[in-house]
Amino acid sequence: MTDWVTIASLATAGTTLVLAGATLSSVRAASRAASAAERAVQVGLRPVLLTSRLTDRDEKVFWADDHWAVVPGGHGYAEVVNDNVYLAISVRNVGTGLAVLQGWDVHEGRLHAEEDHTPARDHRRMIRDLYVPAHDVGYWHAAIRDQDDPRYEGVAAAIKERRAFSVEVLYSDHDGGQSSISRFVLRPRGDQGGGSDWITATGRHWNLDRPDPRSTEYV
């Protein structure tokens, strides 16, 4: 005798299992679509700082103590005036999002590519809001006025002796996300020159809140 109750129960269970699988597949597809959409939005907001071109416009830079300089495209500024160290770099944002400069660090020599960046928590905070629009030019600037500062002696000596040194700039998108660090190198043009007679180059970039594209898991 056919047990229709058992057959009906098995059919119901099978249908439920099929529906559960379809639902799981649909949820996974929706999750992948949402992740892809989120990445697309992030790419649209992502800033990337490089050195500006030699053909880019000059940037007028003012410090809080009324010191000022004009920094040409592709150049940096480094000078010791009245025992104060003044630094600036003309930068270009090649990304698609607004760059908000958050912090910085400076090293007296030229760092090698394998040397890691200063931890973000140890970067010096910007005391002035600086923004670099997407696909446009702006600048970073800072000063060291305290001669007891651990960076002062080495950086001041590098400037006076016309030796290359490194600057790291911490920045984010306009929502404070997608934090990155770009490392720049300032090289003097000859043995003599003014504060703006330093050529700049970009060395390395680090992503702080997303996977590093150089990671071995991507190789």
N, C-alpha and C. Protein backbone atom coordinates (compact mmCIF):
# COMPACT_ATOMS: atom_id res chain seq x y z
N MET A 1 0.85 -1.19 0.00
CA MET A 1 0.00 0.00 0.00
C MET A 1 0.89 1.25 0.00
N THR A 2 0.54 2.16 -0.85
CA THR A 2 1.35 3.39 -0.98
C THR A 2 1.16 4.28 0.22
N ASP A 3 2.28 4.70 0.82
CA ASP A 3 2.24 5.59 1.99
C ASP A 3 2.33 7.03 1.50
N TRP A 4 1.13 7.60 1.19
CA TRP A 4 1.11 8.95 0.62
C TRP A 4 1.58 10.01 1.62
N VAL A 5 1.40 9.77 2.88
CA VAL A 5 1.86 10.75 3.90
C VAL A 5 3.37 10.85 3.88
N THR A 6 4.04 9.68 3.81
CA THR A 6 5.51 9.69 3.77
C THR A 6 6.02 10.34 2.50
N ILE A 7 5.37 10.00 1.37
CA ILE A 7 5.78 10.57 0.08
C ILE A 7 5.63 12.10 0.11
N ALA A 8 4.51 12.54 0.64
CA ALA A 8 4.26 13.99 0.71
C ALA A 8 5.30 14.68 1.60
N SER A 9 5.66 14.04 2.72
CA SER A 9 6.65 14.62 3.62
C SER A 9 8.01 14.72 2.95
N LEU A 10 8.37 13.64 2.22
CA LEU A 10 9.66 13.64 1.52
C LEU A 10 9.69 14.69 0.42
N ALA A 11 8.56 14.82 -0.28
CA ALA A 11 8.48 15.82 -1.35
C ALA A 11 8.60 17.23 -0.78
N THR A 12 7.95 17.43 0.35
CA THR A 12 8.02 18.75 0.99
C THR A 12 9.45 19.05 1.45
N ALA A 13 10.08 18.02 2.03
CA ALA A 13 11.46 18.20 2.49
C ALA A 13 12.39 18.49 1.31
N GLY A 14 12.17 17.76 0.20
CA GLY A 14 13.01 17.99 -0.98
C GLY A 14 12.83 19.38 -1.53
N THR A 15 11.57 19.83 -1.59
CA THR A 15 11.28 21.18 -2.10
C THR A 15 11.92 22.24 -1.21
N THR A 16 11.82 22.00 0.11
CA THR A 16 12.42 22.94 1.06
C THR A 16 13.93 23.02 0.88
N LEU A 17 14.55 21.84 0.66
CA LEU A 17 16.00 21.80 0.46
C LEU A 17 16.40 22.55 -0.82
N VAL A 18 15.62 22.35 -1.89
CA VAL A 18 15.90 23.05 -3.15
C VAL A 18 15.76 24.55 -2.97
N LEU A 19 14.69 24.96 -2.28
CA LEU A 19 14.47 26.39 -2.04
C LEU A 19 15.58 26.98 -1.17
N ALA A 20 16.04 26.21 -0.19
CA ALA A 20 17.13 26.70 0.67
C ALA A 20 18.40 26.90 -0.14
N GLY A 21 18.69 25.94 -1.03
CA GLY A 21 19.88 26.07 -1.87
C GLY A 21 19.78 27.27 -2.80
N ALA A 22 18.59 27.46 -3.37
CA ALA A 22 18.40 28.61 -4.25
C ALA A 22 18.53 29.92 -3.49
N THR A 23 17.98 29.93 -2.26
CA THR A 23 18.07 31.13 -1.45
C THR A 23 19.52 31.45 -1.09
N LEU A 24 20.27 30.39 -0.69
CA LEU A 24 21.69 30.58 -0.34
C LEU A 24 22.47 31.11 -1.54
N SER A 25 22.21 30.53 -2.72
CA SER A 25 22.89 30.99 -3.93
C SER A 25 22.54 32.44 -4.24
N SER A 26 21.26 32.78 -4.05
CA SER A 26 20.82 34.15 -4.30
C SER A 26 21.46 35.13 -3.33
N VAL A 27 21.54 34.73 -2.05
CA VAL A 27 22.16 35.59 -1.04
C VAL A 27 23.63 35.81 -1.35
N ARG A 28 24.33 34.74 -1.75
CA ARG A 28 25.75 34.87 -2.10
C ARG A 28 25.94 35.78 -3.30
N ALA A 29 25.08 35.63 -4.29
CA ALA A 29 25.17 36.48 -5.47
C ALA A 29 24.93 37.94 -5.11
N ALA A 30 23.92 38.17 -4.25
CA ALA A 30 23.62 39.53 -3.82
C ALA A 30 24.77 40.12 -3.02
N SER A 31 25.41 39.26 -2.18
CA SER A 31 26.54 39.73 -1.38
C SER A 31 27.71 40.10 -2.28
N ARG A 32 27.97 39.28 -3.31
CA ARG A 32 29.05 39.59 -4.25
C ARG A 32 28.76 40.87 -5.01
N ALA A 33 27.50 41.04 -5.39
CA ALA A 33 27.12 42.26 -6.12
C ALA A 33 27.28 43.49 -5.22
N ALA A 34 26.89 43.35 -3.95
CA ALA A 34 27.03 44.47 -3.02
C ALA A 34 28.50 44.81 -2.78
N SER A 35 29.34 43.76 -2.66
CA SER A 35 30.78 44.00 -2.46
C SER A 35 31.39 44.68 -3.67
N ALA A 36 30.98 44.23 -4.87
CA ALA A 36 31.49 44.84 -6.09
C ALA A 36 31.06 46.30 -6.17
N ALA A 37 29.80 46.57 -5.80
CA ALA A 37 29.31 47.95 -5.83
C ALA A 37 30.06 48.82 -4.82
N GLU A 38 30.34 48.25 -3.63
CA GLU A 38 31.09 48.99 -2.62
C GLU A 38 32.50 49.31 -3.09
N ARG A 39 33.15 48.31 -3.73
CA ARG A 39 34.49 48.56 -4.26
C ARG A 39 34.48 49.63 -5.34
N ALA A 40 33.44 49.60 -6.17
CA ALA A 40 33.34 50.61 -7.22
C ALA A 40 33.19 52.01 -6.63
N VAL A 41 32.40 52.11 -5.56
CA VAL A 41 32.25 53.40 -4.88
C VAL A 41 33.56 53.84 -4.28
N GLN A 42 34.28 52.91 -3.64
CA GLN A 42 35.56 53.25 -3.02
C GLN A 42 36.58 53.70 -4.06
N VAL A 43 36.61 53.01 -5.21
CA VAL A 43 37.52 53.43 -6.27
C VAL A 43 37.20 54.85 -6.71
N GLY A 44 35.92 55.18 -6.75
CA GLY A 44 35.53 56.52 -7.14
C GLY A 44 35.92 57.59 -6.14
N LEU A 45 36.19 57.18 -4.90
CA LEU A 45 36.58 58.12 -3.85
C LEU A 45 38.08 58.08 -3.55
N ARG A 46 38.81 57.18 -4.19
CA ARG A 46 40.18 56.89 -3.78
C ARG A 46 41.17 57.93 -4.31
N PRO A 47 41.93 58.58 -3.42
CA PRO A 47 43.00 59.49 -3.85
C PRO A 47 44.33 58.74 -3.94
N VAL A 48 45.19 59.20 -4.83
CA VAL A 48 46.55 58.66 -4.95
C VAL A 48 47.48 59.84 -5.22
N LEU A 49 48.41 60.07 -4.33
CA LEU A 49 49.32 61.22 -4.46
C LEU A 49 50.64 60.81 -5.08
N LEU A 50 51.05 61.60 -6.09
CA LEU A 50 52.36 61.47 -6.72
C LEU A 50 53.01 62.86 -6.74
N THR A 51 54.26 62.90 -7.12
CA THR A 51 54.87 64.21 -7.34
C THR A 51 54.21 64.85 -8.57
N SER A 52 54.12 66.15 -8.57
CA SER A 52 53.53 66.84 -9.71
C SER A 52 54.50 66.86 -10.88
N ARG A 53 54.01 67.28 -12.04
CA ARG A 53 54.84 67.35 -13.24
C ARG A 53 55.62 68.67 -13.24
N LEU A 54 56.73 68.65 -13.98
CA LEU A 54 57.52 69.89 -14.10
C LEU A 54 56.73 70.98 -14.80
N THR A 55 55.74 70.59 -15.60
CA THR A 55 54.93 71.56 -16.32
C THR A 55 53.72 72.05 -15.53
N ASP A 56 53.52 71.49 -14.32
CA ASP A 56 52.38 71.92 -13.50
C ASP A 56 52.62 73.32 -12.94
N ARG A 57 51.54 73.95 -12.55
CA ARG A 57 51.60 75.33 -12.07
C ARG A 57 52.37 75.44 -10.76
N ASP A 58 52.87 76.64 -10.49
CA ASP A 58 53.51 76.92 -9.21
C ASP A 58 52.47 76.90 -8.09
N GLU A 59 52.91 76.56 -6.90
CA GLU A 59 52.05 76.59 -5.72
C GLU A 59 52.61 77.59 -4.71
N LYS A 60 51.76 78.49 -4.26
CA LYS A 60 52.14 79.43 -3.20
C LYS A 60 51.88 78.77 -1.85
N VAL A 61 52.91 78.71 -1.03
CA VAL A 61 52.82 78.01 0.25
C VAL A 61 53.09 78.98 1.39
N PHE A 62 52.19 79.00 2.36
CA PHE A 62 52.33 79.87 3.52
C PHE A 62 52.34 79.03 4.79
N TRP A 63 53.27 79.35 5.69
CA TRP A 63 53.32 78.70 6.99
C TRP A 63 52.67 79.61 8.05
N ALA A 64 52.39 79.04 9.21
CA ALA A 64 51.65 79.76 10.24
C ALA A 64 52.41 80.97 10.79
N ASP A 65 53.75 80.96 10.66
CA ASP A 65 54.55 82.07 11.19
C ASP A 65 54.89 83.11 10.11
N ASP A 66 54.09 83.11 9.02
CA ASP A 66 54.21 84.08 7.93
C ASP A 66 55.40 83.82 7.00
N HIS A 67 56.09 82.72 7.18
CA HIS A 67 57.08 82.33 6.18
C HIS A 67 56.31 81.86 4.95
N TRP A 68 56.84 82.11 3.75
CA TRP A 68 56.16 81.68 2.54
C TRP A 68 57.17 81.35 1.45
N ALA A 69 56.70 80.61 0.44
CA ALA A 69 57.56 80.20 -0.67
C ALA A 69 56.70 79.91 -1.88
N VAL A 70 57.31 79.92 -3.04
CA VAL A 70 56.67 79.49 -4.28
C VAL A 70 57.35 78.20 -4.71
N VAL A 71 56.56 77.13 -4.85
CA VAL A 71 57.10 75.81 -5.19
C VAL A 71 56.67 75.45 -6.60
N PRO A 72 57.61 75.34 -7.54
CA PRO A 72 57.26 74.96 -8.92
C PRO A 72 56.80 73.52 -9.02
N GLY A 73 56.13 73.20 -10.13
CA GLY A 73 55.73 71.83 -10.38
C GLY A 73 56.92 70.90 -10.42
N GLY A 74 56.76 69.71 -9.85
CA GLY A 74 57.84 68.72 -9.85
C GLY A 74 58.93 68.99 -8.83
N HIS A 75 58.74 69.99 -7.99
CA HIS A 75 59.77 70.39 -7.04
C HIS A 75 59.27 70.28 -5.59
N GLY A 76 60.23 70.32 -4.71
CA GLY A 76 59.96 70.44 -3.29
C GLY A 76 60.67 71.67 -2.76
N TYR A 77 60.40 71.98 -1.52
CA TYR A 77 61.02 73.13 -0.86
C TYR A 77 61.61 72.65 0.45
N ALA A 78 62.85 73.03 0.71
CA ALA A 78 63.51 72.66 1.96
C ALA A 78 64.51 73.76 2.31
N GLU A 79 64.32 74.37 3.47
CA GLU A 79 65.22 75.45 3.85
C GLU A 79 65.20 75.61 5.37
N VAL A 80 66.35 76.02 5.89
CA VAL A 80 66.46 76.34 7.32
C VAL A 80 66.57 77.85 7.42
N VAL A 81 65.59 78.46 8.06
CA VAL A 81 65.54 79.92 8.20
C VAL A 81 65.33 80.26 9.67
N ASN A 82 66.26 81.03 10.22
CA ASN A 82 66.17 81.41 11.64
C ASN A 82 66.02 80.16 12.53
N ASP A 83 66.78 79.13 12.18
CA ASP A 83 66.79 77.86 12.91
C ASP A 83 65.48 77.08 12.81
N ASN A 84 64.59 77.48 11.92
CA ASN A 84 63.37 76.72 11.66
C ASN A 84 63.52 75.94 10.36
N VAL A 85 63.09 74.69 10.36
CA VAL A 85 63.13 73.85 9.17
C VAL A 85 61.78 73.94 8.47
N TYR A 86 61.79 74.39 7.22
CA TYR A 86 60.56 74.50 6.43
C TYR A 86 60.61 73.49 5.28
N LEU A 87 59.51 72.77 5.10
CA LEU A 87 59.44 71.71 4.09
C LEU A 87 58.13 71.85 3.31
N ALA A 88 58.19 71.55 2.01
CA ALA A 88 56.98 71.54 1.18
C ALA A 88 57.23 70.69 -0.05
N ILE A 89 56.17 70.13 -0.60
CA ILE A 89 56.25 69.33 -1.82
C ILE A 89 55.03 69.66 -2.69
N SER A 90 55.28 69.92 -3.96
CA SER A 90 54.18 70.05 -4.92
C SER A 90 53.73 68.65 -5.31
N VAL A 91 52.44 68.35 -5.14
CA VAL A 91 51.93 67.00 -5.39
C VAL A 91 50.77 67.04 -6.38
N ARG A 92 50.57 65.93 -7.04
CA ARG A 92 49.43 65.76 -7.95
C ARG A 92 48.62 64.55 -7.50
N ASN A 93 47.31 64.73 -7.43
CA ASN A 93 46.41 63.63 -7.08
C ASN A 93 45.95 62.96 -8.37
N VAL A 94 46.49 61.76 -8.65
CA VAL A 94 46.14 61.04 -9.87
C VAL A 94 44.94 60.11 -9.65
N GLY A 95 44.40 60.11 -8.43
CA GLY A 95 43.23 59.30 -8.13
C GLY A 95 41.95 60.01 -8.51
N THR A 96 40.83 59.36 -8.21
CA THR A 96 39.52 59.90 -8.59
C THR A 96 38.78 60.54 -7.41
N GLY A 97 39.40 60.53 -6.24
CA GLY A 97 38.76 61.11 -5.07
C GLY A 97 39.59 62.22 -4.45
N LEU A 98 38.94 63.06 -3.67
CA LEU A 98 39.61 64.15 -2.98
C LEU A 98 40.58 63.60 -1.95
N ALA A 99 41.82 64.10 -1.95
CA ALA A 99 42.82 63.69 -0.96
C ALA A 99 42.80 64.66 0.21
N VAL A 100 42.64 64.13 1.41
CA VAL A 100 42.67 64.93 2.63
C VAL A 100 43.95 64.57 3.38
N LEU A 101 44.88 65.51 3.49
CA LEU A 101 46.17 65.23 4.12
C LEU A 101 45.99 65.17 5.63
N GLN A 102 46.48 64.09 6.24
CA GLN A 102 46.25 63.82 7.65
C GLN A 102 47.50 63.95 8.51
N GLY A 103 48.66 63.55 7.98
CA GLY A 103 49.86 63.55 8.81
C GLY A 103 51.11 63.39 7.97
N TRP A 104 52.27 63.34 8.65
CA TRP A 104 53.54 63.27 7.92
C TRP A 104 54.66 62.81 8.84
N ASP A 105 55.75 62.37 8.20
CA ASP A 105 56.99 62.10 8.91
C ASP A 105 58.12 62.39 7.93
N VAL A 106 59.31 62.66 8.45
CA VAL A 106 60.46 62.99 7.61
C VAL A 106 61.67 62.22 8.12
N HIS A 107 62.53 61.78 7.19
CA HIS A 107 63.72 61.01 7.52
C HIS A 107 64.93 61.70 6.90
N GLU A 108 66.03 61.74 7.59
CA GLU A 108 67.19 62.51 7.14
C GLU A 108 67.87 61.95 5.91
N GLY A 109 67.65 60.70 5.57
CA GLY A 109 68.28 60.10 4.39
C GLY A 109 67.26 59.57 3.42
N ARG A 110 67.75 59.00 2.35
CA ARG A 110 66.89 58.37 1.35
C ARG A 110 66.63 56.93 1.78
N LEU A 111 65.39 56.59 2.06
CA LEU A 111 65.05 55.25 2.52
C LEU A 111 65.01 54.28 1.36
N HIS A 112 65.38 53.03 1.63
CA HIS A 112 65.34 51.99 0.61
C HIS A 112 63.91 51.46 0.45
N ALA A 113 63.63 50.89 -0.69
CA ALA A 113 62.28 50.43 -1.01
C ALA A 113 61.77 49.40 0.00
N GLU A 114 62.68 48.55 0.52
CA GLU A 114 62.24 47.49 1.44
C GLU A 114 62.01 48.01 2.86
N GLU A 115 62.37 49.23 3.15
CA GLU A 115 62.16 49.79 4.49
C GLU A 115 60.70 50.21 4.64
N ASP A 116 60.08 49.74 5.70
CA ASP A 116 58.66 50.00 5.91
C ASP A 116 58.44 51.45 6.32
N HIS A 117 57.20 51.88 6.19
CA HIS A 117 56.83 53.26 6.55
C HIS A 117 56.71 53.42 8.07
N THR A 118 56.73 54.64 8.51
CA THR A 118 56.44 54.95 9.91
C THR A 118 54.99 54.58 10.20
N PRO A 119 54.70 53.90 11.31
CA PRO A 119 53.30 53.57 11.62
C PRO A 119 52.42 54.82 11.62
N ALA A 120 51.21 54.67 11.12
CA ALA A 120 50.30 55.82 11.00
C ALA A 120 50.11 56.53 12.34
N ARG A 121 50.07 55.76 13.42
CA ARG A 121 49.84 56.37 14.74
C ARG A 121 51.00 57.28 15.16
N ASP A 122 52.18 57.09 14.54
CA ASP A 122 53.34 57.89 14.90
C ASP A 122 53.56 59.06 13.95
N HIS A 123 52.71 59.20 12.95
CA HIS A 123 52.82 60.35 12.05
C HIS A 123 52.41 61.62 12.79
N ARG A 124 53.06 62.71 12.44
CA ARG A 124 52.71 64.00 13.04
C ARG A 124 51.45 64.52 12.38
N ARG A 125 50.52 64.97 13.19
CA ARG A 125 49.24 65.44 12.68
C ARG A 125 49.41 66.79 11.97
N MET A 126 48.69 66.95 10.86
CA MET A 126 48.67 68.24 10.20
C MET A 126 47.94 69.24 11.11
N ILE A 127 48.47 70.45 11.21
CA ILE A 127 47.79 71.47 12.02
C ILE A 127 46.93 72.37 11.13
N ARG A 128 46.94 72.09 9.84
CA ARG A 128 46.13 72.86 8.90
C ARG A 128 45.49 71.88 7.92
N ASP A 129 44.21 72.11 7.62
CA ASP A 129 43.53 71.24 6.66
C ASP A 129 44.05 71.51 5.25
N LEU A 130 44.55 70.47 4.60
CA LEU A 130 45.03 70.58 3.23
C LEU A 130 44.31 69.54 2.38
N TYR A 131 43.81 69.97 1.24
CA TYR A 131 43.07 69.11 0.33
C TYR A 131 43.68 69.19 -1.06
N VAL A 132 43.70 68.05 -1.75
CA VAL A 132 44.17 68.02 -3.13
C VAL A 132 43.06 67.40 -3.99
N PRO A 133 42.44 68.18 -4.87
CA PRO A 133 41.35 67.65 -5.69
C PRO A 133 41.81 66.53 -6.62
N ALA A 134 40.86 65.71 -7.04
CA ALA A 134 41.17 64.63 -7.98
C ALA A 134 41.68 65.21 -9.29
N HIS A 135 42.72 64.58 -9.82
CA HIS A 135 43.32 64.98 -11.11
C HIS A 135 43.76 66.44 -11.11
N ASP A 136 44.23 66.90 -9.97
CA ASP A 136 44.67 68.28 -9.87
C ASP A 136 45.92 68.36 -8.99
N VAL A 137 46.44 69.57 -8.88
CA VAL A 137 47.70 69.79 -8.17
C VAL A 137 47.42 70.49 -6.84
N GLY A 138 48.23 70.19 -5.85
CA GLY A 138 48.17 70.86 -4.56
C GLY A 138 49.55 70.78 -3.92
N TYR A 139 49.59 70.86 -2.61
CA TYR A 139 50.88 70.79 -1.94
C TYR A 139 50.73 70.25 -0.53
N TRP A 140 51.84 69.71 -0.04
CA TRP A 140 51.99 69.35 1.38
C TRP A 140 53.06 70.26 1.95
N HIS A 141 52.89 70.70 3.19
CA HIS A 141 53.95 71.48 3.82
C HIS A 141 53.95 71.25 5.32
N ALA A 142 55.10 71.49 5.94
CA ALA A 142 55.27 71.29 7.37
C ALA A 142 56.49 72.08 7.82
N ALA A 143 56.69 72.12 9.12
CA ALA A 143 57.86 72.80 9.68
C ALA A 143 58.27 72.11 10.97
N ILE A 144 59.58 72.18 11.26
CA ILE A 144 60.11 71.72 12.54
C ILE A 144 60.81 72.92 13.17
N ARG A 145 60.26 73.42 14.26
CA ARG A 145 60.80 74.63 14.89
C ARG A 145 61.50 74.34 16.20
N ASP A 146 61.26 73.19 16.75
CA ASP A 146 61.86 72.80 18.03
C ASP A 146 63.19 72.10 17.77
N GLN A 147 64.29 72.68 18.18
CA GLN A 147 65.60 72.09 17.93
C GLN A 147 65.84 70.83 18.76
N ASP A 148 64.99 70.58 19.75
CA ASP A 148 65.09 69.34 20.52
C ASP A 148 64.27 68.21 19.88
N ASP A 149 63.57 68.52 18.81
CA ASP A 149 62.81 67.50 18.09
C ASP A 149 63.77 66.44 17.58
N PRO A 150 63.45 65.14 17.74
CA PRO A 150 64.38 64.09 17.31
C PRO A 150 64.67 64.09 15.82
N ARG A 151 63.83 64.70 15.00
CA ARG A 151 64.06 64.77 13.56
C ARG A 151 64.84 66.02 13.17
N TYR A 152 64.92 66.99 14.04
CA TYR A 152 65.45 68.30 13.65
C TYR A 152 66.90 68.23 13.17
N GLU A 153 67.79 67.72 13.96
CA GLU A 153 69.21 67.79 13.66
C GLU A 153 69.56 67.12 12.33
N GLY A 154 69.05 65.89 12.14
CA GLY A 154 69.38 65.16 10.92
C GLY A 154 68.83 65.81 9.67
N VAL A 155 67.57 66.28 9.73
CA VAL A 155 66.96 66.89 8.56
C VAL A 155 67.59 68.25 8.26
N ALA A 156 67.84 69.03 9.29
CA ALA A 156 68.49 70.33 9.09
C ALA A 156 69.87 70.14 8.45
N ALA A 157 70.61 69.14 8.90
CA ALA A 157 71.94 68.87 8.33
C ALA A 157 71.83 68.44 6.87
N ALA A 158 70.84 67.60 6.55
CA ALA A 158 70.65 67.16 5.17
C ALA A 158 70.35 68.34 4.25
N ILE A 159 69.55 69.29 4.74
CA ILE A 159 69.22 70.46 3.93
C ILE A 159 70.45 71.34 3.72
N LYS A 160 71.17 71.61 4.79
CA LYS A 160 72.35 72.48 4.70
C LYS A 160 73.46 71.86 3.85
N GLU A 161 73.59 70.54 3.94
CA GLU A 161 74.64 69.84 3.20
C GLU A 161 74.18 69.38 1.82
N ARG A 162 72.94 69.72 1.47
CA ARG A 162 72.39 69.39 0.16
C ARG A 162 72.44 67.89 -0.11
N ARG A 163 71.81 67.13 0.81
CA ARG A 163 71.72 65.69 0.68
C ARG A 163 70.25 65.28 0.55
N ALA A 164 70.00 64.20 -0.18
CA ALA A 164 68.64 63.70 -0.36
C ALA A 164 68.04 63.24 0.97
N PHE A 165 66.75 63.42 1.13
CA PHE A 165 66.05 62.92 2.31
C PHE A 165 64.63 62.54 1.92
N SER A 166 63.93 61.88 2.85
CA SER A 166 62.62 61.29 2.54
C SER A 166 61.50 61.90 3.39
N VAL A 167 60.34 61.99 2.78
CA VAL A 167 59.14 62.48 3.46
C VAL A 167 58.01 61.49 3.23
N GLU A 168 57.27 61.16 4.27
CA GLU A 168 56.08 60.32 4.14
C GLU A 168 54.85 61.16 4.46
N VAL A 169 53.83 61.03 3.61
CA VAL A 169 52.59 61.79 3.79
C VAL A 169 51.44 60.81 3.98
N LEU A 170 50.70 60.99 5.07
CA LEU A 170 49.52 60.18 5.39
C LEU A 170 48.28 60.94 4.93
N TYR A 171 47.40 60.26 4.19
CA TYR A 171 46.20 60.94 3.69
C TYR A 171 45.06 59.95 3.56
N SER A 172 43.85 60.48 3.33
CA SER A 172 42.66 59.65 3.22
C SER A 172 41.72 60.25 2.19
N ASP A 173 40.57 59.58 1.96
CA ASP A 173 39.53 60.20 1.15
C ASP A 173 38.76 61.20 2.03
N HIS A 174 37.77 61.87 1.45
CA HIS A 174 37.11 62.95 2.20
C HIS A 174 36.22 62.46 3.32
N ASP A 175 35.96 61.13 3.36
CA ASP A 175 35.19 60.56 4.47
C ASP A 175 36.10 60.04 5.57
N GLY A 176 37.41 60.19 5.39
CA GLY A 176 38.35 59.70 6.39
C GLY A 176 38.71 58.25 6.23
N GLY A 177 38.26 57.61 5.15
CA GLY A 177 38.58 56.22 4.90
C GLY A 177 39.69 56.08 3.87
N GLN A 178 39.98 54.81 3.53
CA GLN A 178 40.98 54.50 2.51
C GLN A 178 42.32 55.19 2.80
N SER A 179 42.75 55.10 4.04
CA SER A 179 44.00 55.75 4.44
C SER A 179 45.19 55.16 3.69
N SER A 180 46.09 56.03 3.27
CA SER A 180 47.27 55.63 2.51
C SER A 180 48.47 56.46 2.96
N ILE A 181 49.65 55.92 2.68
CA ILE A 181 50.90 56.66 2.90
C ILE A 181 51.69 56.64 1.60
N SER A 182 52.14 57.80 1.16
CA SER A 182 53.04 57.91 0.02
C SER A 182 54.38 58.44 0.50
N ARG A 183 55.45 57.83 0.00
CA ARG A 183 56.79 58.26 0.38
C ARG A 183 57.41 59.04 -0.78
N PHE A 184 57.93 60.22 -0.46
CA PHE A 184 58.57 61.09 -1.44
C PHE A 184 60.05 61.24 -1.10
N VAL A 185 60.85 61.45 -2.12
CA VAL A 185 62.27 61.73 -1.94
C VAL A 185 62.56 63.11 -2.52
N LEU A 186 63.28 63.94 -1.76
CA LEU A 186 63.71 65.25 -2.23
C LEU A 186 65.21 65.20 -2.49
N ARG A 187 65.59 65.56 -3.73
CA ARG A 187 67.00 65.56 -4.13
C ARG A 187 67.40 66.98 -4.52
N PRO A 188 68.55 67.46 -4.08
CA PRO A 188 68.98 68.81 -4.45
C PRO A 188 69.44 68.87 -5.89
N ARG A 189 69.25 70.01 -6.51
CA ARG A 189 69.76 70.24 -7.87
C ARG A 189 71.07 71.02 -7.75
N GLY A 190 72.17 70.29 -7.74
CA GLY A 190 73.47 70.94 -7.60
C GLY A 190 73.81 71.23 -6.15
N ASP A 191 74.98 71.81 -5.95
CA ASP A 191 75.45 72.11 -4.60
C ASP A 191 74.92 73.42 -4.05
N GLN A 192 74.48 74.29 -4.93
CA GLN A 192 73.96 75.59 -4.50
C GLN A 192 72.55 75.75 -5.03
N GLY A 193 71.77 76.51 -4.34
CA GLY A 193 70.41 76.75 -4.81
C GLY A 193 69.53 77.26 -3.71
N GLY A 194 68.34 77.74 -4.10
CA GLY A 194 67.39 78.25 -3.12
C GLY A 194 66.57 77.13 -2.51
N GLY A 195 65.64 77.50 -1.67
CA GLY A 195 64.82 76.52 -0.97
C GLY A 195 63.98 75.65 -1.89
N SER A 196 63.59 76.19 -3.07
CA SER A 196 62.74 75.44 -3.98
C SER A 196 63.53 74.64 -5.00
N ASP A 197 64.84 74.63 -4.89
CA ASP A 197 65.68 73.95 -5.88
C ASP A 197 65.91 72.49 -5.49
N TRP A 198 64.80 71.79 -5.22
CA TRP A 198 64.85 70.37 -4.88
C TRP A 198 63.88 69.62 -5.81
N ILE A 199 64.39 68.61 -6.49
CA ILE A 199 63.56 67.77 -7.35
C ILE A 199 62.95 66.65 -6.51
N THR A 200 61.69 66.34 -6.77
CA THR A 200 61.01 65.32 -5.97
C THR A 200 60.67 64.09 -6.81
N ALA A 201 60.55 62.97 -6.14
CA ALA A 201 60.12 61.71 -6.78
C ALA A 201 59.30 60.94 -5.76
N THR A 202 58.39 60.11 -6.26
CA THR A 202 57.57 59.27 -5.40
C THR A 202 58.19 57.88 -5.33
N GLY A 203 58.39 57.38 -4.12
CA GLY A 203 59.04 56.08 -3.96
C GLY A 203 58.08 54.92 -3.79
N ARG A 204 57.25 54.96 -2.75
CA ARG A 204 56.37 53.84 -2.42
C ARG A 204 55.01 54.35 -1.98
N HIS A 205 54.01 53.46 -2.07
CA HIS A 205 52.66 53.73 -1.56
C HIS A 205 52.23 52.55 -0.71
N TRP A 206 51.50 52.82 0.35
CA TRP A 206 50.95 51.77 1.21
C TRP A 206 49.46 52.00 1.44
N ASN A 207 48.68 50.92 1.33
CA ASN A 207 47.27 50.94 1.72
C ASN A 207 47.17 50.53 3.18
N LEU A 208 46.49 51.31 3.98
CA LEU A 208 46.45 51.00 5.42
C LEU A 208 45.19 50.26 5.84
N ASP A 209 44.12 50.34 5.07
CA ASP A 209 42.88 49.70 5.50
C ASP A 209 42.27 48.80 4.42
N ARG A 210 43.11 48.30 3.55
CA ARG A 210 42.69 47.31 2.56
C ARG A 210 43.91 46.47 2.18
N PRO A 211 43.72 45.32 1.54
CA PRO A 211 44.86 44.44 1.23
C PRO A 211 45.93 45.15 0.40
N ASP A 212 47.17 44.83 0.72
CA ASP A 212 48.31 45.38 -0.02
C ASP A 212 48.45 44.63 -1.34
N PRO A 213 48.43 45.33 -2.49
CA PRO A 213 48.54 44.62 -3.77
C PRO A 213 49.89 43.92 -3.96
N ARG A 214 50.89 44.26 -3.12
CA ARG A 214 52.19 43.60 -3.22
C ARG A 214 52.25 42.32 -2.38
N SER A 215 51.18 42.04 -1.64
CA SER A 215 51.19 40.87 -0.77
C SER A 215 51.40 39.59 -1.58
N THR A 216 52.11 38.63 -1.00
CA THR A 216 52.42 37.38 -1.70
C THR A 216 51.17 36.61 -2.08
N GLU A 217 50.07 36.84 -1.35
CA GLU A 217 48.85 36.10 -1.66
C GLU A 217 48.26 36.53 -2.99
N TYR A 218 48.75 37.67 -3.53
CA TYR A 218 48.25 38.13 -4.83
C TYR A 218 49.21 37.77 -5.95
N VAL A 219 50.37 37.23 -5.63
CA VAL A 219 51.37 36.92 -6.65
C VAL A 219 50.96 35.68 -7.42
